[in-house]
Amino acid sequence: MKVSFDEKLILNEPGKTNIMIFVDAADDDLSDDTIYLQTDVLPAPGGGMYTASTKSTNALYQLGKANDVTILGEPVIYDVNAPTKYSNATYGTTSDWSAEVQAYTASGPRRARCELCSSNAQQTIWK
């Protein structure tokens, strides 16, 4: 029997996953109307994100826009979440994951100074 679907099956939760496909078979035997499958969904190292930090600064974060507004001498601070498969505790201590930062002005030139600070929650600070 061949089963086809119009949409791809997407499994987001890592770990063992049970899949049940209910088939409207042409017979009256209900015991063969369900296909049971089990798979192991492996976590992918994606999902690392920058978010505006809640630390005190006079910078103006413009959520949903391409640029945030900086004020001379004030840091612009972002928190960096670890990729899905990893934790902040393994940042920089193993080869699991690392990060690099670059900052550009609205007109394009690269900022000469930006720092990636390490703490319990990794932070990127532009000054």
PDB file of N, CA and C in Angstrom:
ATOM      1  N   MET A   1       0.845  -1.173   0.000  1.00  0.00           N
ATOM      2  CA  MET A   1       0.000   0.000   0.000  1.00  0.00           C
ATOM      3  C   MET A   1       0.890   1.235   0.000  1.00  0.00           C
ATOM      4  N   LYS A   2       0.564   2.206  -0.804  1.00  0.00           N
ATOM      5  CA  LYS A   2       1.306   3.457  -0.871  1.00  0.00           C
ATOM      6  C   LYS A   2       0.424   4.560  -0.293  1.00  0.00           C
ATOM      7  N   VAL A   3       1.013   5.383   0.600  1.00  0.00           N
ATOM      8  CA  VAL A   3       0.286   6.493   1.207  1.00  0.00           C
ATOM      9  C   VAL A   3       0.965   7.787   0.783  1.00  0.00           C
ATOM     10  N   SER A   4       0.223   8.736   0.234  1.00  0.00           N
ATOM     11  CA  SER A   4       0.765  10.031  -0.208  1.00  0.00           C
ATOM     12  C   SER A   4       0.048  11.158   0.514  1.00  0.00           C
ATOM     13  N   PHE A   5       0.772  12.234   0.766  1.00  0.00           N
ATOM     14  CA  PHE A   5       0.214  13.413   1.425  1.00  0.00           C
ATOM     15  C   PHE A   5       0.506  14.653   0.593  1.00  0.00           C
ATOM     16  N   ASP A   6      -0.375  15.636   0.656  1.00  0.00           N
ATOM     17  CA  ASP A   6      -0.177  16.891  -0.066  1.00  0.00           C
ATOM     18  C   ASP A   6       0.875  17.772   0.608  1.00  0.00           C
ATOM     19  N   GLU A   7       1.015  17.642   1.928  1.00  0.00           N
ATOM     20  CA  GLU A   7       1.951  18.455   2.708  1.00  0.00           C
ATOM     21  C   GLU A   7       3.043  17.559   3.281  1.00  0.00           C
ATOM     22  N   LYS A   8       4.248  18.118   3.449  1.00  0.00           N
ATOM     23  CA  LYS A   8       5.326  17.378   4.097  1.00  0.00           C
ATOM     24  C   LYS A   8       5.066  17.280   5.588  1.00  0.00           C
ATOM     25  N   LEU A   9       5.456  16.179   6.185  1.00  0.00           N
ATOM     26  CA  LEU A   9       5.354  15.989   7.620  1.00  0.00           C
ATOM     27  C   LEU A   9       6.519  16.722   8.274  1.00  0.00           C
ATOM     28  N   ILE A  10       6.229  17.587   9.242  1.00  0.00           N
ATOM     29  CA  ILE A  10       7.258  18.344   9.944  1.00  0.00           C
ATOM     30  C   ILE A  10       7.218  17.954  11.417  1.00  0.00           C
ATOM     31  N   LEU A  11       8.349  17.484  11.928  1.00  0.00           N
ATOM     32  CA  LEU A  11       8.473  17.092  13.324  1.00  0.00           C
ATOM     33  C   LEU A  11       9.448  18.042  14.001  1.00  0.00           C
ATOM     34  N   ASN A  12       8.972  18.819  14.977  1.00  0.00           N
ATOM     35  CA  ASN A  12       9.802  19.836  15.615  1.00  0.00           C
ATOM     36  C   ASN A  12      10.368  19.437  16.968  1.00  0.00           C
ATOM     37  N   GLU A  13       9.702  18.532  17.659  1.00  0.00           N
ATOM     38  CA  GLU A  13      10.128  18.160  19.012  1.00  0.00           C
ATOM     39  C   GLU A  13      11.163  17.047  18.958  1.00  0.00           C
ATOM     40  N   PRO A  14      12.391  17.297  19.484  1.00  0.00           N
ATOM     41  CA  PRO A  14      13.399  16.233  19.485  1.00  0.00           C
ATOM     42  C   PRO A  14      13.011  15.080  20.402  1.00  0.00           C
ATOM     43  N   GLY A  15      13.467  13.885  20.071  1.00  0.00           N
ATOM     44  CA  GLY A  15      13.197  12.703  20.880  1.00  0.00           C
ATOM     45  C   GLY A  15      12.378  11.682  20.105  1.00  0.00           C
ATOM     46  N   LYS A  16      12.009  10.614  20.797  1.00  0.00           N
ATOM     47  CA  LYS A  16      11.203   9.564  20.170  1.00  0.00           C
ATOM     48  C   LYS A  16       9.802  10.099  19.880  1.00  0.00           C
ATOM     49  N   THR A  17       9.334   9.856  18.675  1.00  0.00           N
ATOM     50  CA  THR A  17       8.031  10.354  18.246  1.00  0.00           C
ATOM     51  C   THR A  17       7.233   9.221  17.618  1.00  0.00           C
ATOM     52  N   ASN A  18       5.993   9.084  18.045  1.00  0.00           N
ATOM     53  CA  ASN A  18       5.085   8.098  17.462  1.00  0.00           C
ATOM     54  C   ASN A  18       4.232   8.770  16.406  1.00  0.00           C
ATOM     55  N   ILE A  19       4.090   8.103  15.275  1.00  0.00           N
ATOM     56  CA  ILE A  19       3.275   8.610  14.172  1.00  0.00           C
ATOM     57  C   ILE A  19       2.212   7.563  13.881  1.00  0.00           C
ATOM     58  N   MET A  20       0.966   7.992  13.836  1.00  0.00           N
ATOM     59  CA  MET A  20      -0.137   7.097  13.499  1.00  0.00           C
ATOM     60  C   MET A  20      -0.846   7.649  12.273  1.00  0.00           C
ATOM     61  N   ILE A  21      -0.976   6.821  11.266  1.00  0.00           N
ATOM     62  CA  ILE A  21      -1.671   7.198  10.043  1.00  0.00           C
ATOM     63  C   ILE A  21      -2.931   6.350   9.966  1.00  0.00           C
ATOM     64  N   PHE A  22      -4.063   7.020   9.926  1.00  0.00           N
ATOM     65  CA  PHE A  22      -5.343   6.328   9.876  1.00  0.00           C
ATOM     66  C   PHE A  22      -5.773   6.214   8.413  1.00  0.00           C
ATOM     67  N   VAL A  23      -6.051   4.984   8.003  1.00  0.00           N
ATOM     68  CA  VAL A  23      -6.367   4.695   6.610  1.00  0.00           C
ATOM     69  C   VAL A  23      -7.809   4.206   6.524  1.00  0.00           C
ATOM     70  N   ASP A  24      -8.540   4.752   5.581  1.00  0.00           N
ATOM     71  CA  ASP A  24      -9.907   4.298   5.342  1.00  0.00           C
ATOM     72  C   ASP A  24      -9.828   3.122   4.361  1.00  0.00           C
ATOM     73  N   ALA A  25      -9.560   1.935   4.923  1.00  0.00           N
ATOM     74  CA  ALA A  25      -9.376   0.740   4.086  1.00  0.00           C
ATOM     75  C   ALA A  25     -10.717   0.275   3.507  1.00  0.00           C
ATOM     76  N   ALA A  26     -10.615  -0.474   2.434  1.00  0.00           N
ATOM     77  CA  ALA A  26     -11.819  -0.928   1.724  1.00  0.00           C
ATOM     78  C   ALA A  26     -12.481  -2.128   2.386  1.00  0.00           C
ATOM     79  N   ASP A  27     -11.863  -2.663   3.440  1.00  0.00           N
ATOM     80  CA  ASP A  27     -12.473  -3.823   4.095  1.00  0.00           C
ATOM     81  C   ASP A  27     -13.125  -3.401   5.423  1.00  0.00           C
ATOM     82  N   ASP A  28     -13.764  -4.331   6.096  1.00  0.00           N
ATOM     83  CA  ASP A  28     -14.424  -4.053   7.374  1.00  0.00           C
ATOM     84  C   ASP A  28     -13.552  -4.399   8.576  1.00  0.00           C
ATOM     85  N   ASP A  29     -12.288  -4.749   8.345  1.00  0.00           N
ATOM     86  CA  ASP A  29     -11.376  -5.130   9.417  1.00  0.00           C
ATOM     87  C   ASP A  29     -10.700  -3.881   9.968  1.00  0.00           C
ATOM     88  N   LEU A  30     -11.105  -3.419  11.161  1.00  0.00           N
ATOM     89  CA  LEU A  30     -10.558  -2.201  11.753  1.00  0.00           C
ATOM     90  C   LEU A  30      -9.109  -2.361  12.205  1.00  0.00           C
ATOM     91  N   SER A  31      -8.629  -3.590  12.347  1.00  0.00           N
ATOM     92  CA  SER A  31      -7.269  -3.801  12.852  1.00  0.00           C
ATOM     93  C   SER A  31      -6.196  -3.393  11.841  1.00  0.00           C
ATOM     94  N   ASP A  32      -6.542  -3.256  10.572  1.00  0.00           N
ATOM     95  CA  ASP A  32      -5.539  -2.853   9.578  1.00  0.00           C
ATOM     96  C   ASP A  32      -5.784  -1.426   9.051  1.00  0.00           C
ATOM     97  N   ASP A  33      -6.520  -0.629   9.816  1.00  0.00           N
ATOM     98  CA  ASP A  33      -6.833   0.738   9.393  1.00  0.00           C
ATOM     99  C   ASP A  33      -5.864   1.781   9.943  1.00  0.00           C
ATOM    100  N   THR A  34      -4.863   1.363  10.707  1.00  0.00           N
ATOM    101  CA  THR A  34      -3.903   2.303  11.279  1.00  0.00           C
ATOM    102  C   THR A  34      -2.488   1.812  11.016  1.00  0.00           C
ATOM    103  N   ILE A  35      -1.648   2.712  10.513  1.00  0.00           N
ATOM    104  CA  ILE A  35      -0.225   2.417  10.320  1.00  0.00           C
ATOM    105  C   ILE A  35       0.525   3.095  11.457  1.00  0.00           C
ATOM    106  N   TYR A  36       1.285   2.320  12.215  1.00  0.00           N
ATOM    107  CA  TYR A  36       2.049   2.854  13.349  1.00  0.00           C
ATOM    108  C   TYR A  36       3.525   2.953  12.960  1.00  0.00           C
ATOM    109  N   LEU A  37       4.104   4.111  13.174  1.00  0.00           N
ATOM    110  CA  LEU A  37       5.529   4.320  12.916  1.00  0.00           C
ATOM    111  C   LEU A  37       6.144   4.987  14.138  1.00  0.00           C
ATOM    112  N   GLN A  38       7.416   4.719  14.372  1.00  0.00           N
ATOM    113  CA  GLN A  38       8.132   5.417  15.437  1.00  0.00           C
ATOM    114  C   GLN A  38       9.459   5.895  14.859  1.00  0.00           C
ATOM    115  N   THR A  39       9.847   7.112  15.191  1.00  0.00           N
ATOM    116  CA  THR A  39      11.105   7.664  14.711  1.00  0.00           C
ATOM    117  C   THR A  39      11.778   8.437  15.835  1.00  0.00           C
ATOM    118  N   ASP A  40      13.059   8.664  15.689  1.00  0.00           N
ATOM    119  CA  ASP A  40      13.812   9.451  16.657  1.00  0.00           C
ATOM    120  C   ASP A  40      14.176  10.758  15.982  1.00  0.00           C
ATOM    121  N   VAL A  41      13.603  11.863  16.428  1.00  0.00           N
ATOM    122  CA  VAL A  41      13.866  13.176  15.854  1.00  0.00           C
ATOM    123  C   VAL A  41      15.103  13.743  16.544  1.00  0.00           C
ATOM    124  N   LEU A  42      16.148  13.984  15.759  1.00  0.00           N
ATOM    125  CA  LEU A  42      17.388  14.519  16.307  1.00  0.00           C
ATOM    126  C   LEU A  42      17.331  16.039  16.336  1.00  0.00           C
ATOM    127  N   PRO A  43      17.842  16.669  17.412  1.00  0.00           N
ATOM    128  CA  PRO A  43      17.827  18.132  17.461  1.00  0.00           C
ATOM    129  C   PRO A  43      18.816  18.712  16.461  1.00  0.00           C
ATOM    130  N   ALA A  44      18.433  19.762  15.810  1.00  0.00           N
ATOM    131  CA  ALA A  44      19.303  20.447  14.859  1.00  0.00           C
ATOM    132  C   ALA A  44      19.906  21.675  15.535  1.00  0.00           C
ATOM    133  N   PRO A  45      21.151  21.982  15.238  1.00  0.00           N
ATOM    134  CA  PRO A  45      21.776  23.146  15.874  1.00  0.00           C
ATOM    135  C   PRO A  45      21.365  24.450  15.200  1.00  0.00           C
ATOM    136  N   GLY A  46      20.114  24.774  15.290  1.00  0.00           N
ATOM    137  CA  GLY A  46      19.615  26.029  14.731  1.00  0.00           C
ATOM    138  C   GLY A  46      18.850  26.779  15.797  1.00  0.00           C
ATOM    139  N   GLY A  47      18.391  27.944  15.482  1.00  0.00           N
ATOM    140  CA  GLY A  47      17.534  28.658  16.410  1.00  0.00           C
ATOM    141  C   GLY A  47      18.232  29.668  17.289  1.00  0.00           C
ATOM    142  N   GLY A  48      19.550  29.808  17.175  1.00  0.00           N
ATOM    143  CA  GLY A  48      20.229  30.854  17.926  1.00  0.00           C
ATOM    144  C   GLY A  48      19.727  32.212  17.475  1.00  0.00           C
ATOM    145  N   MET A  49      19.396  33.070  18.416  1.00  0.00           N
ATOM    146  CA  MET A  49      18.811  34.361  18.053  1.00  0.00           C
ATOM    147  C   MET A  49      19.410  35.494  18.873  1.00  0.00           C
ATOM    148  N   TYR A  50      19.400  36.677  18.305  1.00  0.00           N
ATOM    149  CA  TYR A  50      19.731  37.904  19.021  1.00  0.00           C
ATOM    150  C   TYR A  50      18.430  38.541  19.465  1.00  0.00           C
ATOM    151  N   THR A  51      18.353  38.956  20.705  1.00  0.00           N
ATOM    152  CA  THR A  51      17.189  39.704  21.176  1.00  0.00           C
ATOM    153  C   THR A  51      17.681  40.917  21.946  1.00  0.00           C
ATOM    154  N   ALA A  52      16.922  41.982  21.901  1.00  0.00           N
ATOM    155  CA  ALA A  52      17.294  43.199  22.630  1.00  0.00           C
ATOM    156  C   ALA A  52      17.355  42.873  24.118  1.00  0.00           C
ATOM    157  N   SER A  53      18.448  43.287  24.754  1.00  0.00           N
ATOM    158  CA  SER A  53      18.639  42.993  26.170  1.00  0.00           C
ATOM    159  C   SER A  53      17.767  43.894  27.030  1.00  0.00           C
ATOM    160  N   THR A  54      17.492  43.424  28.223  1.00  0.00           N
ATOM    161  CA  THR A  54      16.748  44.241  29.187  1.00  0.00           C
ATOM    162  C   THR A  54      17.685  45.043  30.076  1.00  0.00           C
ATOM    163  N   LYS A  55      19.011  44.926  29.843  1.00  0.00           N
ATOM    164  CA  LYS A  55      19.964  45.709  30.622  1.00  0.00           C
ATOM    165  C   LYS A  55      19.781  47.193  30.304  1.00  0.00           C
ATOM    166  N   SER A  56      20.080  48.027  31.268  1.00  0.00           N
ATOM    167  CA  SER A  56      19.867  49.461  31.149  1.00  0.00           C
ATOM    168  C   SER A  56      20.781  50.104  30.098  1.00  0.00           C
ATOM    169  N   THR A  57      20.184  50.782  29.154  1.00  0.00           N
ATOM    170  CA  THR A  57      20.894  51.547  28.132  1.00  0.00           C
ATOM    171  C   THR A  57      19.925  52.577  27.550  1.00  0.00           C
ATOM    172  N   ASN A  58      20.455  53.653  27.002  1.00  0.00           N
ATOM    173  CA  ASN A  58      19.601  54.656  26.364  1.00  0.00           C
ATOM    174  C   ASN A  58      19.393  54.381  24.876  1.00  0.00           C
ATOM    175  N   ALA A  59      19.914  53.257  24.392  1.00  0.00           N
ATOM    176  CA  ALA A  59      19.709  52.894  22.987  1.00  0.00           C
ATOM    177  C   ALA A  59      18.217  52.676  22.733  1.00  0.00           C
ATOM    178  N   LEU A  60      17.799  52.913  21.503  1.00  0.00           N
ATOM    179  CA  LEU A  60      16.393  52.770  21.133  1.00  0.00           C
ATOM    180  C   LEU A  60      16.249  51.555  20.215  1.00  0.00           C
ATOM    181  N   TYR A  61      15.660  50.486  20.767  1.00  0.00           N
ATOM    182  CA  TYR A  61      15.457  49.268  19.984  1.00  0.00           C
ATOM    183  C   TYR A  61      14.173  49.412  19.175  1.00  0.00           C
ATOM    184  N   GLN A  62      14.266  49.141  17.889  1.00  0.00           N
ATOM    185  CA  GLN A  62      13.115  49.245  16.992  1.00  0.00           C
ATOM    186  C   GLN A  62      12.748  47.851  16.503  1.00  0.00           C
ATOM    187  N   LEU A  63      11.993  47.131  17.303  1.00  0.00           N
ATOM    188  CA  LEU A  63      11.634  45.761  16.964  1.00  0.00           C
ATOM    189  C   LEU A  63      10.914  45.709  15.624  1.00  0.00           C
ATOM    190  N   GLY A  64      11.327  44.791  14.782  1.00  0.00           N
ATOM    191  CA  GLY A  64      10.704  44.627  13.481  1.00  0.00           C
ATOM    192  C   GLY A  64      11.281  45.519  12.397  1.00  0.00           C
ATOM    193  N   LYS A  65      12.192  46.415  12.751  1.00  0.00           N
ATOM    194  CA  LYS A  65      12.817  47.282  11.752  1.00  0.00           C
ATOM    195  C   LYS A  65      14.255  46.831  11.529  1.00  0.00           C
ATOM    196  N   ALA A  66      14.844  47.262  10.430  1.00  0.00           N
ATOM    197  CA  ALA A  66      16.189  46.819  10.058  1.00  0.00           C
ATOM    198  C   ALA A  66      17.274  47.376  10.967  1.00  0.00           C
ATOM    199  N   ASN A  67      17.056  48.546  11.552  1.00  0.00           N
ATOM    200  CA  ASN A  67      18.102  49.188  12.348  1.00  0.00           C
ATOM    201  C   ASN A  67      17.591  49.599  13.717  1.00  0.00           C
ATOM    202  N   ASP A  68      18.480  49.566  14.699  1.00  0.00           N
ATOM    203  CA  ASP A  68      18.202  50.128  16.019  1.00  0.00           C
ATOM    204  C   ASP A  68      18.933  51.460  16.104  1.00  0.00           C
ATOM    205  N   VAL A  69      18.481  52.341  16.963  1.00  0.00           N
ATOM    206  CA  VAL A  69      19.060  53.676  17.076  1.00  0.00           C
ATOM    207  C   VAL A  69      20.074  53.689  18.214  1.00  0.00           C
ATOM    208  N   THR A  70      21.277  54.118  17.880  1.00  0.00           N
ATOM    209  CA  THR A  70      22.317  54.228  18.893  1.00  0.00           C
ATOM    210  C   THR A  70      22.507  55.683  19.283  1.00  0.00           C
ATOM    211  N   ILE A  71      23.013  55.865  20.476  1.00  0.00           N
ATOM    212  CA  ILE A  71      23.322  57.202  20.980  1.00  0.00           C
ATOM    213  C   ILE A  71      24.808  57.210  21.295  1.00  0.00           C
ATOM    214  N   LEU A  72      25.509  58.228  20.878  1.00  0.00           N
ATOM    215  CA  LEU A  72      26.949  58.305  21.060  1.00  0.00           C
ATOM    216  C   LEU A  72      27.336  58.014  22.505  1.00  0.00           C
ATOM    217  N   GLY A  73      28.222  57.046  22.690  1.00  0.00           N
ATOM    218  CA  GLY A  73      28.704  56.688  24.015  1.00  0.00           C
ATOM    219  C   GLY A  73      27.830  55.701  24.771  1.00  0.00           C
ATOM    220  N   GLU A  74      26.669  55.348  24.227  1.00  0.00           N
ATOM    221  CA  GLU A  74      25.764  54.403  24.883  1.00  0.00           C
ATOM    222  C   GLU A  74      25.865  53.038  24.211  1.00  0.00           C
ATOM    223  N   PRO A  75      25.927  51.970  24.992  1.00  0.00           N
ATOM    224  CA  PRO A  75      25.983  50.643  24.371  1.00  0.00           C
ATOM    225  C   PRO A  75      24.621  50.202  23.844  1.00  0.00           C
ATOM    226  N   VAL A  76      24.651  49.412  22.794  1.00  0.00           N
ATOM    227  CA  VAL A  76      23.473  48.718  22.291  1.00  0.00           C
ATOM    228  C   VAL A  76      23.720  47.247  22.626  1.00  0.00           C
ATOM    229  N   ILE A  77      22.872  46.660  23.453  1.00  0.00           N
ATOM    230  CA  ILE A  77      23.138  45.342  24.013  1.00  0.00           C
ATOM    231  C   ILE A  77      22.090  44.334  23.530  1.00  0.00           C
ATOM    232  N   TYR A  78      22.562  43.188  23.057  1.00  0.00           N
ATOM    233  CA  TYR A  78      21.683  42.100  22.616  1.00  0.00           C
ATOM    234  C   TYR A  78      22.053  40.837  23.380  1.00  0.00           C
ATOM    235  N   ASP A  79      21.066  40.050  23.739  1.00  0.00           N
ATOM    236  CA  ASP A  79      21.307  38.740  24.318  1.00  0.00           C
ATOM    237  C   ASP A  79      21.351  37.729  23.178  1.00  0.00           C
ATOM    238  N   VAL A  80      22.243  36.763  23.290  1.00  0.00           N
ATOM    239  CA  VAL A  80      22.386  35.726  22.278  1.00  0.00           C
ATOM    240  C   VAL A  80      21.931  34.406  22.891  1.00  0.00           C
ATOM    241  N   ASN A  81      20.863  33.838  22.363  1.00  0.00           N
ATOM    242  CA  ASN A  81      20.389  32.540  22.837  1.00  0.00           C
ATOM    243  C   ASN A  81      21.184  31.445  22.146  1.00  0.00           C
ATOM    244  N   ALA A  82      21.485  30.401  22.881  1.00  0.00           N
ATOM    245  CA  ALA A  82      22.221  29.277  22.315  1.00  0.00           C
ATOM    246  C   ALA A  82      21.386  28.589  21.237  1.00  0.00           C
ATOM    247  N   PRO A  83      22.055  27.997  20.227  1.00  0.00           N
ATOM    248  CA  PRO A  83      21.311  27.194  19.256  1.00  0.00           C
ATOM    249  C   PRO A  83      20.588  26.053  19.963  1.00  0.00           C
ATOM    250  N   THR A  84      19.530  25.551  19.349  1.00  0.00           N
ATOM    251  CA  THR A  84      18.636  24.560  19.952  1.00  0.00           C
ATOM    252  C   THR A  84      19.356  23.410  20.636  1.00  0.00           C
ATOM    253  N   LYS A  85      20.342  22.862  20.001  1.00  0.00           N
ATOM    254  CA  LYS A  85      20.994  21.651  20.475  1.00  0.00           C
ATOM    255  C   LYS A  85      21.944  21.908  21.651  1.00  0.00           C
ATOM    256  N   TYR A  86      22.292  23.155  21.917  1.00  0.00           N
ATOM    257  CA  TYR A  86      23.326  23.477  22.894  1.00  0.00           C
ATOM    258  C   TYR A  86      22.790  24.359  24.009  1.00  0.00           C
ATOM    259  N   SER A  87      23.671  24.679  24.961  1.00  0.00           N
ATOM    260  CA  SER A  87      23.287  25.586  26.043  1.00  0.00           C
ATOM    261  C   SER A  87      24.328  26.699  26.145  1.00  0.00           C
ATOM    262  N   ASN A  88      23.966  27.771  26.829  1.00  0.00           N
ATOM    263  CA  ASN A  88      24.924  28.860  27.026  1.00  0.00           C
ATOM    264  C   ASN A  88      26.135  28.402  27.834  1.00  0.00           C
ATOM    265  N   ALA A  89      25.955  27.369  28.655  1.00  0.00           N
ATOM    266  CA  ALA A  89      27.060  26.879  29.485  1.00  0.00           C
ATOM    267  C   ALA A  89      28.201  26.317  28.640  1.00  0.00           C
ATOM    268  N   THR A  90      27.910  25.825  27.425  1.00  0.00           N
ATOM    269  CA  THR A  90      28.966  25.252  26.590  1.00  0.00           C
ATOM    270  C   THR A  90      29.577  26.270  25.641  1.00  0.00           C
ATOM    271  N   TYR A  91      29.124  27.514  25.680  1.00  0.00           N
ATOM    272  CA  TYR A  91      29.648  28.537  24.781  1.00  0.00           C
ATOM    273  C   TYR A  91      31.132  28.769  25.049  1.00  0.00           C
ATOM    274  N   GLY A  92      31.953  28.611  24.023  1.00  0.00           N
ATOM    275  CA  GLY A  92      33.367  28.917  24.118  1.00  0.00           C
ATOM    276  C   GLY A  92      34.206  27.913  24.904  1.00  0.00           C
ATOM    277  N   THR A  93      33.587  27.002  25.654  1.00  0.00           N
ATOM    278  CA  THR A  93      34.363  26.052  26.450  1.00  0.00           C
ATOM    279  C   THR A  93      34.628  24.763  25.683  1.00  0.00           C
ATOM    280  N   THR A  94      33.847  24.489  24.686  1.00  0.00           N
ATOM    281  CA  THR A  94      34.024  23.306  23.846  1.00  0.00           C
ATOM    282  C   THR A  94      33.899  23.765  22.399  1.00  0.00           C
ATOM    283  N   SER A  95      33.984  22.824  21.508  1.00  0.00           N
ATOM    284  CA  SER A  95      33.806  23.185  20.097  1.00  0.00           C
ATOM    285  C   SER A  95      32.339  23.124  19.686  1.00  0.00           C
ATOM    286  N   ASP A  96      31.420  23.014  20.680  1.00  0.00           N
ATOM    287  CA  ASP A  96      29.994  22.911  20.369  1.00  0.00           C
ATOM    288  C   ASP A  96      29.479  24.102  19.568  1.00  0.00           C
ATOM    289  N   TRP A  97      29.722  25.303  20.080  1.00  0.00           N
ATOM    290  CA  TRP A  97      29.238  26.464  19.344  1.00  0.00           C
ATOM    291  C   TRP A  97      30.026  27.710  19.738  1.00  0.00           C
ATOM    292  N   SER A  98      30.077  28.630  18.807  1.00  0.00           N
ATOM    293  CA  SER A  98      30.734  29.910  19.042  1.00  0.00           C
ATOM    294  C   SER A  98      29.941  30.969  18.278  1.00  0.00           C
ATOM    295  N   ALA A  99      30.325  32.202  18.458  1.00  0.00           N
ATOM    296  CA  ALA A  99      29.612  33.295  17.781  1.00  0.00           C
ATOM    297  C   ALA A  99      30.595  34.377  17.391  1.00  0.00           C
ATOM    298  N   GLU A 100      30.253  35.101  16.354  1.00  0.00           N
ATOM    299  CA  GLU A 100      31.010  36.267  15.927  1.00  0.00           C
ATOM    300  C   GLU A 100      30.027  37.401  15.731  1.00  0.00           C
ATOM    301  N   VAL A 101      30.494  38.614  15.913  1.00  0.00           N
ATOM    302  CA  VAL A 101      29.609  39.761  15.720  1.00  0.00           C
ATOM    303  C   VAL A 101      30.245  40.767  14.771  1.00  0.00           C
ATOM    304  N   GLN A 102      29.380  41.433  14.028  1.00  0.00           N
ATOM    305  CA  GLN A 102      29.774  42.543  13.177  1.00  0.00           C
ATOM    306  C   GLN A 102      28.657  43.557  13.244  1.00  0.00           C
ATOM    307  N   ALA A 103      29.009  44.810  13.203  1.00  0.00           N
ATOM    308  CA  ALA A 103      28.004  45.874  13.226  1.00  0.00           C
ATOM    309  C   ALA A 103      28.263  46.817  12.063  1.00  0.00           C
ATOM    310  N   TYR A 104      27.182  47.274  11.470  1.00  0.00           N
ATOM    311  CA  TYR A 104      27.270  48.193  10.338  1.00  0.00           C
ATOM    312  C   TYR A 104      26.402  49.411  10.603  1.00  0.00           C
ATOM    313  N   THR A 105      26.814  50.535  10.084  1.00  0.00           N
ATOM    314  CA  THR A 105      25.986  51.731  10.182  1.00  0.00           C
ATOM    315  C   THR A 105      24.901  51.638   9.118  1.00  0.00           C
ATOM    316  N   ALA A 106      23.876  52.474   9.225  1.00  0.00           N
ATOM    317  CA  ALA A 106      22.772  52.455   8.262  1.00  0.00           C
ATOM    318  C   ALA A 106      23.270  52.721   6.844  1.00  0.00           C
ATOM    319  N   SER A 107      24.337  53.511   6.703  1.00  0.00           N
ATOM    320  CA  SER A 107      24.858  53.820   5.370  1.00  0.00           C
ATOM    321  C   SER A 107      25.831  52.758   4.863  1.00  0.00           C
ATOM    322  N   GLY A 108      26.141  51.767   5.698  1.00  0.00           N
ATOM    323  CA  GLY A 108      26.936  50.649   5.217  1.00  0.00           C
ATOM    324  C   GLY A 108      28.295  50.414   5.841  1.00  0.00           C
ATOM    325  N   PRO A 109      29.078  51.434   6.225  1.00  0.00           N
ATOM    326  CA  PRO A 109      30.414  51.138   6.754  1.00  0.00           C
ATOM    327  C   PRO A 109      30.360  50.300   8.029  1.00  0.00           C
ATOM    328  N   ARG A 110      31.320  49.410   8.136  1.00  0.00           N
ATOM    329  CA  ARG A 110      31.403  48.525   9.293  1.00  0.00           C
ATOM    330  C   ARG A 110      31.898  49.299  10.507  1.00  0.00           C
ATOM    331  N   ARG A 111      31.292  49.017  11.650  1.00  0.00           N
ATOM    332  CA  ARG A 111      31.731  49.626  12.908  1.00  0.00           C
ATOM    333  C   ARG A 111      33.066  49.017  13.306  1.00  0.00           C
ATOM    334  N   ALA A 112      33.984  49.852  13.760  1.00  0.00           N
ATOM    335  CA  ALA A 112      35.316  49.380  14.123  1.00  0.00           C
ATOM    336  C   ALA A 112      35.306  48.618  15.442  1.00  0.00           C
ATOM    337  N   ARG A 113      34.385  48.920  16.329  1.00  0.00           N
ATOM    338  CA  ARG A 113      34.424  48.313  17.658  1.00  0.00           C
ATOM    339  C   ARG A 113      33.090  47.671  18.020  1.00  0.00           C
ATOM    340  N   CYS A 114      33.112  46.384  18.211  1.00  0.00           N
ATOM    341  CA  CYS A 114      31.981  45.689  18.810  1.00  0.00           C
ATOM    342  C   CYS A 114      32.553  44.509  19.578  1.00  0.00           C
ATOM    343  N   GLU A 115      31.911  44.155  20.658  1.00  0.00           N
ATOM    344  CA  GLU A 115      32.431  43.142  21.559  1.00  0.00           C
ATOM    345  C   GLU A 115      31.410  42.033  21.743  1.00  0.00           C
ATOM    346  N   LEU A 116      31.913  40.824  21.936  1.00  0.00           N
ATOM    347  CA  LEU A 116      31.058  39.707  22.325  1.00  0.00           C
ATOM    348  C   LEU A 116      31.482  39.336  23.730  1.00  0.00           C
ATOM    349  N   CYS A 117      30.616  39.591  24.693  1.00  0.00           N
ATOM    350  CA  CYS A 117      30.921  39.344  26.102  1.00  0.00           C
ATOM    351  C   CYS A 117      30.379  37.988  26.505  1.00  0.00           C
ATOM    352  N   SER A 118      31.052  37.322  27.417  1.00  0.00           N
ATOM    353  CA  SER A 118      30.609  36.016  27.880  1.00  0.00           C
ATOM    354  C   SER A 118      30.182  36.103  29.335  1.00  0.00           C
ATOM    355  N   SER A 119      29.006  35.582  29.616  1.00  0.00           N
ATOM    356  CA  SER A 119      28.503  35.498  30.987  1.00  0.00           C
ATOM    357  C   SER A 119      27.511  34.341  30.993  1.00  0.00           C
ATOM    358  N   ASN A 120      26.629  34.279  31.973  1.00  0.00           N
ATOM    359  CA  ASN A 120      25.631  33.206  31.972  1.00  0.00           C
ATOM    360  C   ASN A 120      24.795  33.247  30.706  1.00  0.00           C
ATOM    361  N   ALA A 121      24.409  34.424  30.298  1.00  0.00           N
ATOM    362  CA  ALA A 121      23.705  34.587  29.022  1.00  0.00           C
ATOM    363  C   ALA A 121      24.623  35.415  28.138  1.00  0.00           C
ATOM    364  N   GLN A 122      25.052  34.866  27.004  1.00  0.00           N
ATOM    365  CA  GLN A 122      25.966  35.589  26.135  1.00  0.00           C
ATOM    366  C   GLN A 122      25.321  36.894  25.690  1.00  0.00           C
ATOM    367  N   GLN A 123      26.144  37.920  25.591  1.00  0.00           N
ATOM    368  CA  GLN A 123      25.625  39.216  25.164  1.00  0.00           C
ATOM    369  C   GLN A 123      26.548  39.825  24.129  1.00  0.00           C
ATOM    370  N   THR A 124      25.966  40.531  23.199  1.00  0.00           N
ATOM    371  CA  THR A 124      26.708  41.299  22.218  1.00  0.00           C
ATOM    372  C   THR A 124      26.498  42.761  22.574  1.00  0.00           C
ATOM    373  N   ILE A 125      27.598  43.481  22.666  1.00  0.00           N
ATOM    374  CA  ILE A 125      27.505  44.891  23.039  1.00  0.00           C
ATOM    375  C   ILE A 125      28.200  45.712  21.963  1.00  0.00           C
ATOM    376  N   TRP A 126      27.476  46.636  21.356  1.00  0.00           N
ATOM    377  CA  TRP A 126      28.072  47.588  20.421  1.00  0.00           C
ATOM    378  C   TRP A 126      28.270  48.903  21.159  1.00  0.00           C
ATOM    379  N   LYS A 127      29.466  49.485  21.042  1.00  0.00           N
ATOM    380  CA  LYS A 127      29.738  50.781  21.690  1.00  0.00           C
ATOM    381  C   LYS A 127      30.234  51.756  20.669  1.00  0.00           C
TER     382      LYS A 127
END
